[in-house]
Amino acid sequence: MIVGLNRVVSHAGKDYHLQVEDLGFEVAVFDVRAYDGGSLLWHKRMSYADLVQRALPREEAERELRAMMDKTLHTLEAAIVKGKLT
């Protein structure tokens, strides 16, 4: 289980806190949230059941999950910079 990743993105004079949190391999879901000044701006729950179904060794599955989570944060950051979530 990967606890989570956090990132702060500064855009147009604001700091956005981006957060992704793994809810565990048992449910195969992670939560993605974007906060603006402590207020929830955006939230989505992402499944990674397909990764779990591949039955990879734990270490490899965690590497792939971390890559998925990181890519999701990059996509969310790009959406903020493009003005899609502000």
C-alpha atoms as a PDB file:
ATOM      1  CA  MET A   1       0.000   0.000   0.000  1.00  0.00           C
ATOM      2  CA  ILE A   2       1.246   3.446  -0.914  1.00  0.00           C
ATOM      3  CA  VAL A   3      -0.025   5.951   1.616  1.00  0.00           C
ATOM      4  CA  GLY A   4      -0.180   8.899  -0.774  1.00  0.00           C
ATOM      5  CA  LEU A   5       1.493  11.689  -2.680  1.00  0.00           C
ATOM      6  CA  ASN A   6       1.150  15.437  -2.238  1.00  0.00           C
ATOM      7  CA  ARG A   7       2.107  18.378  -4.384  1.00  0.00           C
ATOM      8  CA  VAL A   8       1.597  22.133  -4.198  1.00  0.00           C
ATOM      9  CA  VAL A   9       1.000  23.904  -7.509  1.00  0.00           C
ATOM     10  CA  SER A  10       1.229  27.678  -7.754  1.00  0.00           C
ATOM     11  CA  HIS A  11      -0.801  29.282 -10.520  1.00  0.00           C
ATOM     12  CA  ALA A  12      -2.241  32.778 -11.022  1.00  0.00           C
ATOM     13  CA  GLY A  13      -1.261  33.849  -7.526  1.00  0.00           C
ATOM     14  CA  LYS A  14      -2.859  30.871  -5.795  1.00  0.00           C
ATOM     15  CA  ASP A  15      -1.396  27.732  -4.249  1.00  0.00           C
ATOM     16  CA  TYR A  16      -3.319  24.531  -4.925  1.00  0.00           C
ATOM     17  CA  HIS A  17      -2.700  21.480  -2.783  1.00  0.00           C
ATOM     18  CA  LEU A  18      -2.978  18.276  -4.803  1.00  0.00           C
ATOM     19  CA  GLN A  19      -3.315  15.014  -2.969  1.00  0.00           C
ATOM     20  CA  VAL A  20      -3.629  11.387  -3.948  1.00  0.00           C
ATOM     21  CA  GLU A  21      -4.283   8.705  -1.333  1.00  0.00           C
ATOM     22  CA  ASP A  22      -4.304   4.948  -1.809  1.00  0.00           C
ATOM     23  CA  LEU A  23      -7.224   3.209  -0.111  1.00  0.00           C
ATOM     24  CA  GLY A  24      -5.505  -0.188  -0.327  1.00  0.00           C
ATOM     25  CA  PHE A  25      -5.125  -3.152  -2.642  1.00  0.00           C
ATOM     26  CA  GLU A  26      -8.204  -4.754  -1.072  1.00  0.00           C
ATOM     27  CA  VAL A  27     -10.457  -2.096  -2.649  1.00  0.00           C
ATOM     28  CA  ALA A  28      -8.035  -1.203  -5.487  1.00  0.00           C
ATOM     29  CA  VAL A  29      -8.939   2.481  -5.445  1.00  0.00           C
ATOM     30  CA  PHE A  30      -7.150   5.752  -4.835  1.00  0.00           C
ATOM     31  CA  ASP A  31      -8.646   9.165  -4.112  1.00  0.00           C
ATOM     32  CA  VAL A  32      -7.455  12.282  -5.908  1.00  0.00           C
ATOM     33  CA  ARG A  33      -8.237  15.713  -4.486  1.00  0.00           C
ATOM     34  CA  ALA A  34      -7.390  19.320  -5.260  1.00  0.00           C
ATOM     35  CA  TYR A  35      -7.714  21.989  -2.595  1.00  0.00           C
ATOM     36  CA  ASP A  36      -7.777  25.748  -2.985  1.00  0.00           C
ATOM     37  CA  GLY A  37      -7.036  27.488   0.301  1.00  0.00           C
ATOM     38  CA  GLY A  38      -8.237  24.532   2.346  1.00  0.00           C
ATOM     39  CA  SER A  39     -11.506  24.163   0.409  1.00  0.00           C
ATOM     40  CA  LEU A  40     -12.059  21.072  -1.677  1.00  0.00           C
ATOM     41  CA  LEU A  41     -12.034  22.159  -5.314  1.00  0.00           C
ATOM     42  CA  TRP A  42     -12.150  18.768  -7.051  1.00  0.00           C
ATOM     43  CA  HIS A  43     -12.326  15.082  -6.105  1.00  0.00           C
ATOM     44  CA  LYS A  44     -12.263  11.821  -8.029  1.00  0.00           C
ATOM     45  CA  ARG A  45     -11.935   8.174  -7.043  1.00  0.00           C
ATOM     46  CA  MET A  46      -9.761   6.129  -9.419  1.00  0.00           C
ATOM     47  CA  SER A  47      -9.845   2.331  -9.699  1.00  0.00           C
ATOM     48  CA  TYR A  48      -6.758   0.246 -10.260  1.00  0.00           C
ATOM     49  CA  ALA A  49      -8.525  -3.119 -10.197  1.00  0.00           C
ATOM     50  CA  ASP A  50      -6.928  -4.006 -13.523  1.00  0.00           C
ATOM     51  CA  LEU A  51      -3.493  -3.698 -11.903  1.00  0.00           C
ATOM     52  CA  VAL A  52      -4.484  -5.953  -8.996  1.00  0.00           C
ATOM     53  CA  GLN A  53      -5.979  -8.533 -11.368  1.00  0.00           C
ATOM     54  CA  ARG A  54      -2.597  -8.888 -13.075  1.00  0.00           C
ATOM     55  CA  ALA A  55      -1.315 -10.469  -9.828  1.00  0.00           C
ATOM     56  CA  LEU A  56       2.131  -8.888 -10.081  1.00  0.00           C
ATOM     57  CA  PRO A  57       4.665  -9.300  -7.295  1.00  0.00           C
ATOM     58  CA  ARG A  58       3.861  -6.757  -4.557  1.00  0.00           C
ATOM     59  CA  GLU A  59       6.918  -4.576  -5.185  1.00  0.00           C
ATOM     60  CA  GLU A  60       6.232  -4.338  -8.932  1.00  0.00           C
ATOM     61  CA  ALA A  61       2.537  -3.614  -8.358  1.00  0.00           C
ATOM     62  CA  GLU A  62       3.437  -0.822  -5.938  1.00  0.00           C
ATOM     63  CA  ARG A  63       5.854   0.705  -8.479  1.00  0.00           C
ATOM     64  CA  GLU A  64       3.144   0.682 -11.145  1.00  0.00           C
ATOM     65  CA  LEU A  65       0.592   2.110  -8.734  1.00  0.00           C
ATOM     66  CA  ARG A  66       2.971   4.917  -7.731  1.00  0.00           C
ATOM     67  CA  ALA A  67       3.501   5.709 -11.439  1.00  0.00           C
ATOM     68  CA  MET A  68      -0.298   5.835 -11.965  1.00  0.00           C
ATOM     69  CA  MET A  69      -0.734   8.122  -8.982  1.00  0.00           C
ATOM     70  CA  ASP A  70       2.106  10.402 -10.094  1.00  0.00           C
ATOM     71  CA  LYS A  71       0.722  10.606 -13.643  1.00  0.00           C
ATOM     72  CA  THR A  72      -2.682  11.517 -12.228  1.00  0.00           C
ATOM     73  CA  LEU A  73      -1.125  14.366 -10.223  1.00  0.00           C
ATOM     74  CA  HIS A  74       0.669  15.622 -13.345  1.00  0.00           C
ATOM     75  CA  THR A  75      -2.613  15.570 -15.289  1.00  0.00           C
ATOM     76  CA  LEU A  76      -4.388  17.445 -12.499  1.00  0.00           C
ATOM     77  CA  GLU A  77      -1.577  20.001 -12.359  1.00  0.00           C
ATOM     78  CA  ALA A  78      -1.846  20.548 -16.133  1.00  0.00           C
ATOM     79  CA  ALA A  79      -5.626  21.058 -15.807  1.00  0.00           C
ATOM     80  CA  ILE A  80      -5.062  23.751 -13.182  1.00  0.00           C
ATOM     81  CA  VAL A  81      -2.430  25.524 -15.289  1.00  0.00           C
ATOM     82  CA  LYS A  82      -4.806  25.449 -18.291  1.00  0.00           C
ATOM     83  CA  GLY A  83      -7.536  26.994 -16.132  1.00  0.00           C
ATOM     84  CA  LYS A  84      -9.845  23.993 -16.232  1.00  0.00           C
ATOM     85  CA  LEU A  85     -10.243  23.681 -12.454  1.00  0.00           C
ATOM     86  CA  THR A  86      -9.839  27.248 -11.235  1.00  0.00           C
END
